[in-house]
Amino acid sequence: MQLPFSLFLALRYLRPRRSFVSVITFLSVLGVSLGVAVLVIVLSVMAGFSHELEKKIIGFNAHLVISNGEILHRPQDLIVLAEKDPFVVGAAPFVSGPVMVEYASRITTPILRGINLDMEEKVIPIKKFLIAGSYDLEGESVIVGEEWAKHTDAYLGDKVLIYAPRHFQAFRDNFQKGKQTTILPSEFTITGIFRTGLYEYDSSYFITSLANAQYLYSLGNGVHGISIRIKDPLAASKVKERLNLQLQPPVEALTWIDQNRPLFSAIAIERIAMTFILFFIIIVAAFGLCSTLITITVQKSKEIGLLKALGARDDQVLAIFILHGLVVGICGTLIGLLIASLALYYRNSFRDFIGRHLGIDLFSADVYHFAKIPMEIDPLLVAGISLGAMTICVLAAWIPAMNAAKLTPAKALRYE
């Protein structure tokens, strides 16, 4: 099969001839390859990280929360209202707030979450996160996060002292009345240890019964909010809109996205910034391609003049160098996608190799709690990166291609 005239010459100029131009062409292809590979690798890992983070956050958080920012005094009415929605699977009251904990002469300030065990299982199945002890909150008992237990060297059956708003209120009242009565903290027993997979939760959350939390916060029968689980977490916004039409302000429903918006916004902004920065690798490679084609047009000016003298049109000469840039873009993109595929496939093996031989933990499991580096390939994203790389290469070839097309035969062959 005979190739078109312009494509034949474009491929011929790509053949290595042991010259400096060939070296620049090779570096241009390599630059495009590395740019595409780095973009695909980084954005795929970030997408995987975001997806895994969403799963873990949804696993330990309610899909929606009804609250007024203070105290809900009639939680049962709100539970009945929420459960009328066909998308709602379950609803449960909760109390949540910071407390001061003393254990082994250490002071920490975790978040105490009070729940109703039976109702909570329909919303957040905390039992599945339990890794030690029993799922028992009878009496003055508490379930603690794995990371908190590690850092404080706490074990099942140990006693912790909890200072809550109730104790500070009593101390303030006694002080104002001039009393010297000592306020003793509440003593709780560790009956279980849980692991969610997210460091923030495992290091700073305590779980106790709803009655205990109401007592520590002096709420009576009130609660801080109603947690809700729905059939599809991604439909939380629609359910929120329906509930808010029935709720009286300041009571309102918030989705899990609303509650974690700063985190997901930061990840989204970081992805956009990384894409913008890494695309400059491809742009640098495109400048190399542009300089290569400018050099080729100077070296091949006589050949170009001869071609035009023999009847080659301007658009045919233009197509030679445009196709040259396109071929470089296609080759660089394909090689880059191959490198990215291999790197993503062996990403965990590479991490383990670096850790063993250099002592560098590239993705610390202690911090991220991912046994493996997450990864999620988005075909549309890969297609966009590939198309962008090839477009940049074609644009880089446009200037030297225009100069070559404007070259007149008389000027090119003046001294021949």
Protein backbone atom coordinates (compact mmCIF):
# COMPACT_ATOMS: atom_id res chain seq x y z
CA MET A 1 0.00 0.00 0.00
CA GLN A 2 1.43 3.34 -1.08
CA LEU A 3 1.51 6.01 1.62
CA PRO A 4 0.34 9.56 0.87
CA PHE A 5 3.13 11.86 -0.24
CA SER A 6 3.10 14.08 2.89
CA LEU A 7 2.95 11.17 5.35
CA PHE A 8 5.78 9.35 3.54
CA LEU A 9 8.14 12.31 3.94
CA ALA A 10 7.03 12.96 7.54
CA LEU A 11 7.94 9.37 8.48
CA ARG A 12 11.20 9.60 6.56
CA TYR A 13 12.27 12.67 8.56
CA LEU A 14 11.62 10.71 11.75
CA ARG A 15 14.17 8.00 10.89
CA PRO A 16 17.36 8.26 12.97
CA ARG A 17 20.37 9.46 10.95
CA ARG A 18 22.93 9.72 13.76
CA SER A 19 22.59 13.47 13.87
CA PHE A 20 21.78 16.02 16.55
CA VAL A 21 18.32 16.43 15.04
CA SER A 22 17.61 12.74 15.64
CA VAL A 23 18.63 13.13 19.27
CA ILE A 24 16.24 16.08 19.72
CA THR A 25 13.45 14.09 18.04
CA PHE A 26 14.06 11.18 20.41
CA LEU A 27 14.04 13.53 23.40
CA SER A 28 10.80 15.10 22.16
CA VAL A 29 9.11 11.69 21.98
CA LEU A 30 10.53 10.79 25.41
CA GLY A 31 9.29 14.08 26.91
CA VAL A 32 5.76 13.51 25.61
CA SER A 33 5.87 9.91 26.89
CA LEU A 34 6.97 10.91 30.38
CA GLY A 35 4.43 13.74 30.53
CA VAL A 36 1.54 11.45 29.55
CA ALA A 37 2.76 8.68 31.88
CA VAL A 38 3.14 10.97 34.91
CA LEU A 39 -0.25 12.57 34.32
CA VAL A 40 -2.05 9.23 34.02
CA ILE A 41 -0.23 7.73 37.04
CA VAL A 42 -0.72 10.68 39.39
CA LEU A 43 -4.35 11.38 38.48
CA SER A 44 -5.29 7.66 38.59
CA VAL A 45 -3.77 7.27 42.06
CA MET A 46 -5.46 10.47 43.27
CA ALA A 47 -8.80 9.28 41.86
CA GLY A 48 -8.35 5.93 43.61
CA PHE A 49 -7.43 7.66 46.86
CA SER A 50 -10.52 9.90 46.64
CA HIS A 51 -12.79 6.92 45.89
CA GLU A 52 -11.41 4.85 48.79
CA LEU A 53 -11.68 7.84 51.10
CA GLU A 54 -15.32 8.32 50.13
CA LYS A 55 -16.06 4.65 50.89
CA LYS A 56 -14.43 4.86 54.32
CA ILE A 57 -16.14 8.15 55.20
CA ILE A 58 -19.54 6.79 54.12
CA GLY A 59 -18.87 3.61 56.10
CA PHE A 60 -18.45 5.41 59.43
CA ASN A 61 -20.73 8.41 58.85
CA ALA A 62 -24.42 8.75 58.30
CA HIS A 63 -25.56 9.66 54.81
CA LEU A 64 -27.59 12.54 56.26
CA VAL A 65 -27.76 14.29 59.62
CA ILE A 66 -30.65 16.33 60.99
CA SER A 67 -29.62 18.95 63.55
CA ASN A 68 -30.11 22.55 64.61
CA GLY A 69 -26.57 23.17 65.82
CA GLU A 70 -27.69 22.87 69.46
CA ILE A 71 -30.11 20.42 71.12
CA LEU A 72 -33.07 18.54 69.63
CA HIS A 73 -35.60 18.02 72.43
CA ARG A 74 -38.08 15.84 70.49
CA PRO A 75 -35.88 13.47 68.47
CA GLN A 76 -38.54 10.78 68.05
CA ASP A 77 -40.75 13.09 65.98
CA LEU A 78 -37.86 13.77 63.61
CA ILE A 79 -37.07 10.06 63.33
CA VAL A 80 -40.68 9.31 62.35
CA LEU A 81 -40.59 12.15 59.81
CA ALA A 82 -37.33 10.92 58.26
CA GLU A 83 -38.44 7.28 58.02
CA LYS A 84 -41.49 8.29 55.98
CA ASP A 85 -39.20 9.03 53.03
CA PRO A 86 -39.09 5.94 50.75
CA PHE A 87 -35.30 6.28 50.29
CA VAL A 88 -34.54 6.21 54.03
CA VAL A 89 -33.36 2.86 55.40
CA GLY A 90 -33.02 3.87 59.04
CA ALA A 91 -32.65 6.79 61.45
CA ALA A 92 -31.13 7.01 64.93
CA PRO A 93 -30.49 9.71 67.55
CA PHE A 94 -26.95 10.57 68.63
CA VAL A 95 -24.96 12.80 70.93
CA SER A 96 -21.53 13.93 69.77
CA GLY A 97 -19.00 16.31 71.23
CA PRO A 98 -15.49 16.70 72.64
CA VAL A 99 -14.54 15.46 76.09
CA MET A 100 -11.32 15.38 78.11
CA VAL A 101 -10.00 11.90 78.87
CA GLU A 102 -7.35 11.00 81.41
CA TYR A 103 -5.57 7.66 81.13
CA ALA A 104 -2.16 6.64 82.50
CA SER A 105 -1.42 10.26 83.41
CA ARG A 106 -2.09 11.34 79.81
CA ILE A 107 -4.74 13.85 78.80
CA THR A 108 -6.43 13.50 75.41
CA THR A 109 -9.48 15.19 73.89
CA PRO A 110 -11.40 12.72 71.74
CA ILE A 111 -14.91 13.07 70.35
CA LEU A 112 -17.45 11.17 72.42
CA ARG A 113 -20.33 9.73 70.40
CA GLY A 114 -23.39 8.45 72.23
CA ILE A 115 -25.60 6.03 70.31
CA ASN A 116 -28.58 3.75 70.69
CA LEU A 117 -27.13 0.34 69.76
CA ASP A 118 -30.30 -1.16 68.28
CA MET A 119 -31.25 1.88 66.21
CA GLU A 120 -27.67 2.72 65.20
CA GLU A 121 -27.12 -0.63 63.47
CA LYS A 122 -29.64 0.41 60.80
CA VAL A 123 -27.64 3.57 60.10
CA ILE A 124 -23.96 2.92 60.82
CA PRO A 125 -23.07 -0.75 61.40
CA ILE A 126 -20.36 0.00 63.96
CA LYS A 127 -20.27 -3.66 64.97
CA LYS A 128 -18.44 -4.56 61.74
CA PHE A 129 -15.58 -2.21 62.69
CA LEU A 130 -15.00 -3.94 66.03
CA ILE A 131 -11.63 -5.75 66.13
CA ALA A 132 -11.40 -6.59 69.85
CA GLY A 133 -13.72 -6.90 72.82
CA SER A 134 -17.50 -6.98 72.72
CA TYR A 135 -20.13 -4.75 71.22
CA ASP A 136 -21.48 -3.93 74.64
CA LEU A 137 -22.26 -0.48 76.01
CA GLU A 138 -24.08 -1.53 79.16
CA GLY A 139 -23.26 0.54 82.22
CA GLU A 140 -20.33 2.94 82.15
CA SER A 141 -18.50 1.38 79.21
CA VAL A 142 -16.84 2.81 76.14
CA ILE A 143 -15.49 1.55 72.81
CA VAL A 144 -12.29 3.29 71.66
CA GLY A 145 -10.44 3.63 68.35
CA GLU A 146 -7.45 1.42 67.57
CA GLU A 147 -5.02 4.32 67.06
CA TRP A 148 -5.99 5.95 70.35
CA ALA A 149 -5.44 2.63 72.12
CA LYS A 150 -2.01 2.25 70.49
CA HIS A 151 -0.83 5.75 71.36
CA THR A 152 -1.96 5.54 74.98
CA ASP A 153 -1.10 1.83 75.41
CA ALA A 154 -4.65 1.08 76.54
CA TYR A 155 -6.18 -2.39 76.64
CA LEU A 156 -9.57 -4.01 77.11
CA GLY A 157 -10.79 -3.73 80.67
CA ASP A 158 -8.76 -0.62 81.47
CA LYS A 159 -10.42 2.33 83.19
CA VAL A 160 -10.48 5.85 81.73
CA LEU A 161 -11.55 9.06 83.44
CA ILE A 162 -13.81 11.33 81.39
CA TYR A 163 -14.31 15.03 82.07
CA ALA A 164 -17.37 16.27 80.19
CA PRO A 165 -19.42 19.51 80.13
CA ARG A 166 -21.44 18.22 83.10
CA HIS A 167 -18.34 18.21 85.31
CA PHE A 168 -17.17 21.65 84.17
CA GLN A 169 -20.66 23.09 84.73
CA ALA A 170 -20.73 21.65 88.26
CA PHE A 171 -17.28 23.07 88.97
CA ARG A 172 -18.38 26.51 87.71
CA ASP A 173 -21.58 26.47 89.76
CA ASN A 174 -19.71 25.47 92.94
CA PHE A 175 -17.09 28.14 92.33
CA GLN A 176 -19.74 30.83 91.89
CA LYS A 177 -21.43 29.72 95.11
CA GLY A 178 -18.12 29.74 96.98
CA LYS A 179 -18.16 25.98 97.59
CA GLN A 180 -14.89 24.04 97.76
CA THR A 181 -16.40 20.69 96.73
CA THR A 182 -14.18 18.53 94.52
CA ILE A 183 -15.76 17.44 91.26
CA LEU A 184 -14.80 13.87 90.36
CA PRO A 185 -14.72 12.68 86.72
CA SER A 186 -16.78 9.76 85.43
CA GLU A 187 -14.94 6.44 85.25
CA PHE A 188 -15.56 4.30 82.18
CA THR A 189 -14.34 0.81 81.25
CA ILE A 190 -12.94 0.01 77.80
CA THR A 191 -15.06 -2.88 76.51
CA GLY A 192 -14.14 -2.77 72.81
CA ILE A 193 -11.70 -1.45 70.20
CA PHE A 194 -12.74 -0.51 66.66
CA ARG A 195 -10.89 0.16 63.40
CA THR A 196 -12.49 2.12 60.54
CA GLY A 197 -9.41 2.46 58.36
CA LEU A 198 -9.26 6.25 58.68
CA TYR A 199 -6.64 7.63 61.06
CA GLU A 200 -8.78 10.61 62.09
CA TYR A 201 -11.61 8.40 63.34
CA ASP A 202 -9.46 5.66 64.86
CA SER A 203 -7.41 8.14 66.87
CA SER A 204 -10.06 10.53 68.13
CA TYR A 205 -13.43 8.82 68.57
CA PHE A 206 -15.00 7.19 71.65
CA ILE A 207 -18.36 5.42 71.48
CA THR A 208 -20.67 5.01 74.44
CA SER A 209 -24.39 4.54 75.06
CA LEU A 210 -26.82 7.35 74.32
CA ALA A 211 -27.84 7.49 77.97
CA ASN A 212 -24.21 7.94 79.12
CA ALA A 213 -23.59 10.72 76.61
CA GLN A 214 -26.84 12.50 77.54
CA TYR A 215 -25.79 12.38 81.20
CA LEU A 216 -22.26 13.67 80.50
CA TYR A 217 -23.65 16.55 78.42
CA SER A 218 -26.61 17.24 80.75
CA LEU A 219 -29.08 16.91 77.88
CA GLY A 220 -31.90 15.09 79.65
CA ASN A 221 -33.83 13.40 76.83
CA GLY A 222 -32.37 15.70 74.18
CA VAL A 223 -29.83 14.79 71.51
CA HIS A 224 -27.44 16.63 69.19
CA GLY A 225 -28.81 15.18 65.99
CA ILE A 226 -30.49 12.40 64.01
CA SER A 227 -28.31 10.24 61.76
CA ILE A 228 -29.96 8.83 58.62
CA ARG A 229 -29.02 6.08 56.19
CA ILE A 230 -30.48 5.97 52.67
CA LYS A 231 -30.47 3.39 49.89
CA ASP A 232 -28.07 5.29 47.62
CA PRO A 233 -25.47 7.64 49.22
CA LEU A 234 -25.15 9.55 45.94
CA ALA A 235 -28.83 10.49 46.14
CA ALA A 236 -28.34 12.17 49.53
CA SER A 237 -28.84 15.67 48.09
CA LYS A 238 -32.31 14.84 46.74
CA VAL A 239 -33.42 13.33 50.08
CA LYS A 240 -31.99 16.38 51.87
CA GLU A 241 -34.10 18.72 49.73
CA ARG A 242 -37.27 16.77 50.48
CA LEU A 243 -36.58 16.69 54.22
CA ASN A 244 -35.69 20.38 54.42
CA LEU A 245 -39.09 21.25 52.92
CA GLN A 246 -40.72 19.60 55.96
CA LEU A 247 -38.29 20.74 58.66
CA GLN A 248 -38.69 23.98 60.58
CA PRO A 249 -35.52 26.17 60.63
CA PRO A 250 -33.08 26.22 62.30
CA VAL A 251 -33.49 22.44 62.09
CA GLU A 252 -32.04 21.22 58.78
CA ALA A 253 -30.65 18.15 57.05
CA LEU A 254 -27.03 17.95 55.89
CA THR A 255 -25.51 15.30 53.64
CA TRP A 256 -22.22 13.47 54.17
CA ILE A 257 -20.82 15.60 51.32
CA ASP A 258 -21.80 18.82 53.12
CA GLN A 259 -20.10 17.61 56.30
CA ASN A 260 -16.86 16.73 54.51
CA ARG A 261 -16.90 19.42 51.82
CA PRO A 262 -13.53 21.01 52.81
CA LEU A 263 -11.78 17.65 52.46
CA PHE A 264 -13.26 16.77 49.07
CA SER A 265 -12.81 20.33 47.82
CA ALA A 266 -9.13 20.18 48.76
CA ILE A 267 -8.70 16.90 46.88
CA ALA A 268 -10.48 18.28 43.81
CA ILE A 269 -8.38 21.46 43.80
CA GLU A 270 -5.21 19.41 44.20
CA ARG A 271 -6.13 17.24 41.22
CA ILE A 272 -6.74 20.32 39.06
CA ALA A 273 -3.46 21.89 40.19
CA MET A 274 -1.50 18.70 39.54
CA THR A 275 -3.03 18.37 36.07
CA PHE A 276 -2.11 21.96 35.22
CA ILE A 277 1.46 21.61 36.52
CA LEU A 278 2.17 18.22 34.95
CA PHE A 279 0.89 19.34 31.54
CA PHE A 280 3.92 21.65 31.42
CA ILE A 281 6.09 18.53 30.99
CA ILE A 282 4.31 17.90 27.68
CA ILE A 283 4.60 21.60 26.75
CA VAL A 284 8.38 21.49 27.36
CA ALA A 285 8.60 18.43 25.13
CA ALA A 286 6.55 20.30 22.51
CA PHE A 287 9.11 23.13 22.50
CA GLY A 288 11.77 20.51 21.82
CA LEU A 289 9.68 19.22 18.93
CA CYS A 290 9.25 22.76 17.61
CA SER A 291 13.03 23.37 17.66
CA THR A 292 13.57 20.03 15.92
CA LEU A 293 11.21 20.93 13.09
CA ILE A 294 12.73 24.39 12.72
CA THR A 295 16.15 22.73 12.35
CA ILE A 296 14.74 20.26 9.83
CA THR A 297 13.20 23.03 7.73
CA VAL A 298 16.59 24.79 7.60
CA GLN A 299 18.44 21.58 6.72
CA LYS A 300 15.83 20.48 4.20
CA SER A 301 15.24 23.89 2.59
CA LYS A 302 16.79 22.73 -0.68
CA GLU A 303 14.62 19.61 -0.75
CA ILE A 304 11.54 21.69 0.05
CA GLY A 305 12.42 24.12 -2.73
CA LEU A 306 12.90 21.23 -5.15
CA LEU A 307 9.56 19.70 -4.15
CA LYS A 308 7.76 22.98 -4.75
CA ALA A 309 9.57 23.44 -8.05
CA LEU A 310 8.28 20.00 -9.09
CA GLY A 311 4.71 21.01 -8.30
CA ALA A 312 4.20 20.33 -4.58
CA ARG A 313 1.50 22.60 -3.18
CA ASP A 314 1.83 24.71 -0.02
CA ASP A 315 -0.73 22.57 1.80
CA GLN A 316 1.24 19.40 0.98
CA VAL A 317 4.45 20.86 2.40
CA LEU A 318 2.50 22.12 5.41
CA ALA A 319 1.05 18.63 5.93
CA ILE A 320 4.56 17.07 6.00
CA PHE A 321 5.55 18.89 9.19
CA ILE A 322 2.09 18.81 10.76
CA LEU A 323 2.06 15.03 10.30
CA HIS A 324 5.60 14.90 11.69
CA GLY A 325 4.33 16.55 14.91
CA LEU A 326 1.25 14.33 14.98
CA VAL A 327 3.33 11.15 14.63
CA VAL A 328 5.62 12.31 17.46
CA GLY A 329 2.52 12.99 19.58
CA ILE A 330 0.97 9.61 18.81
CA CYS A 331 4.19 7.68 19.45
CA GLY A 332 4.89 9.61 22.66
CA THR A 333 1.32 9.13 23.88
CA LEU A 334 1.29 5.38 23.19
CA ILE A 335 4.64 4.87 24.89
CA GLY A 336 3.48 7.03 27.82
CA LEU A 337 0.29 4.98 28.21
CA LEU A 338 2.36 1.78 28.18
CA ILE A 339 4.70 3.15 30.86
CA ALA A 340 1.71 4.29 32.95
CA SER A 341 0.03 0.89 32.64
CA LEU A 342 3.15 -0.93 33.82
CA ALA A 343 3.76 1.56 36.64
CA LEU A 344 0.17 1.33 37.90
CA TYR A 345 0.16 -2.48 37.66
CA TYR A 346 3.39 -2.79 39.66
CA ARG A 347 2.79 0.26 41.89
CA ASN A 348 2.65 -1.71 45.14
CA SER A 349 5.62 -3.88 44.21
CA PHE A 350 7.62 -0.73 43.47
CA ARG A 351 6.57 0.80 46.80
CA ASP A 352 7.67 -2.34 48.66
CA PHE A 353 10.98 -2.39 46.77
CA ILE A 354 11.72 1.24 47.67
CA GLY A 355 10.76 0.57 51.28
CA ARG A 356 13.05 -2.46 51.58
CA HIS A 357 16.13 -1.04 49.89
CA LEU A 358 15.94 2.70 50.64
CA GLY A 359 13.90 2.74 53.83
CA ILE A 360 11.42 5.24 52.37
CA ASP A 361 7.73 4.65 53.04
CA LEU A 362 6.07 6.16 49.96
CA PHE A 363 2.52 5.52 51.15
CA SER A 364 2.50 4.98 54.89
CA ALA A 365 -0.18 2.53 55.98
CA ASP A 366 -0.02 3.99 59.50
CA VAL A 367 -1.27 7.32 58.17
CA TYR A 368 -3.48 6.41 55.20
CA HIS A 369 -4.60 2.97 56.43
CA PHE A 370 -4.61 1.59 52.91
CA ALA A 371 -2.90 -1.78 52.65
CA LYS A 372 -2.27 -1.02 48.97
CA ILE A 373 -1.87 2.17 46.98
CA PRO A 374 -5.37 2.80 45.56
CA MET A 375 -5.87 3.35 41.87
CA GLU A 376 -8.82 4.06 39.61
CA ILE A 377 -8.42 4.59 35.86
CA ASP A 378 -10.95 6.92 34.25
CA PRO A 379 -11.15 6.17 30.49
CA LEU A 380 -12.43 9.69 29.75
CA LEU A 381 -9.53 11.22 31.68
CA VAL A 382 -6.98 9.06 29.85
CA ALA A 383 -8.59 9.98 26.52
CA GLY A 384 -8.46 13.67 27.45
CA ILE A 385 -4.77 13.47 28.39
CA SER A 386 -3.93 11.62 25.16
CA LEU A 387 -5.87 14.06 22.99
CA GLY A 388 -4.29 17.01 24.81
CA ALA A 389 -0.77 15.68 24.30
CA MET A 390 -1.30 15.11 20.57
CA THR A 391 -2.93 18.52 20.16
CA ILE A 392 0.04 20.26 21.83
CA CYS A 393 2.45 18.41 19.52
CA VAL A 394 0.47 19.44 16.43
CA LEU A 395 0.37 23.07 17.59
CA ALA A 396 4.12 22.98 18.25
CA ALA A 397 4.66 21.80 14.65
CA TRP A 398 2.47 24.53 13.18
CA ILE A 399 4.99 27.42 13.21
CA PRO A 400 7.85 25.58 11.44
CA ALA A 401 5.29 24.00 9.09
CA MET A 402 4.02 27.45 8.07
CA ASN A 403 7.58 28.67 7.47
CA ALA A 404 8.30 25.66 5.29
CA ALA A 405 5.10 26.13 3.31
CA LYS A 406 5.95 29.79 2.59
CA LEU A 407 9.43 28.94 1.30
CA THR A 408 9.73 29.88 -2.41
CA PRO A 409 11.63 27.60 -4.84
CA ALA A 410 13.69 30.55 -6.17
CA LYS A 411 14.97 31.43 -2.71
CA ALA A 412 15.67 27.82 -1.70
CA LEU A 413 17.54 26.96 -4.92
CA ARG A 414 19.28 30.33 -5.45
CA TYR A 415 22.80 28.98 -5.09
CA GLU A 416 22.24 25.56 -6.70
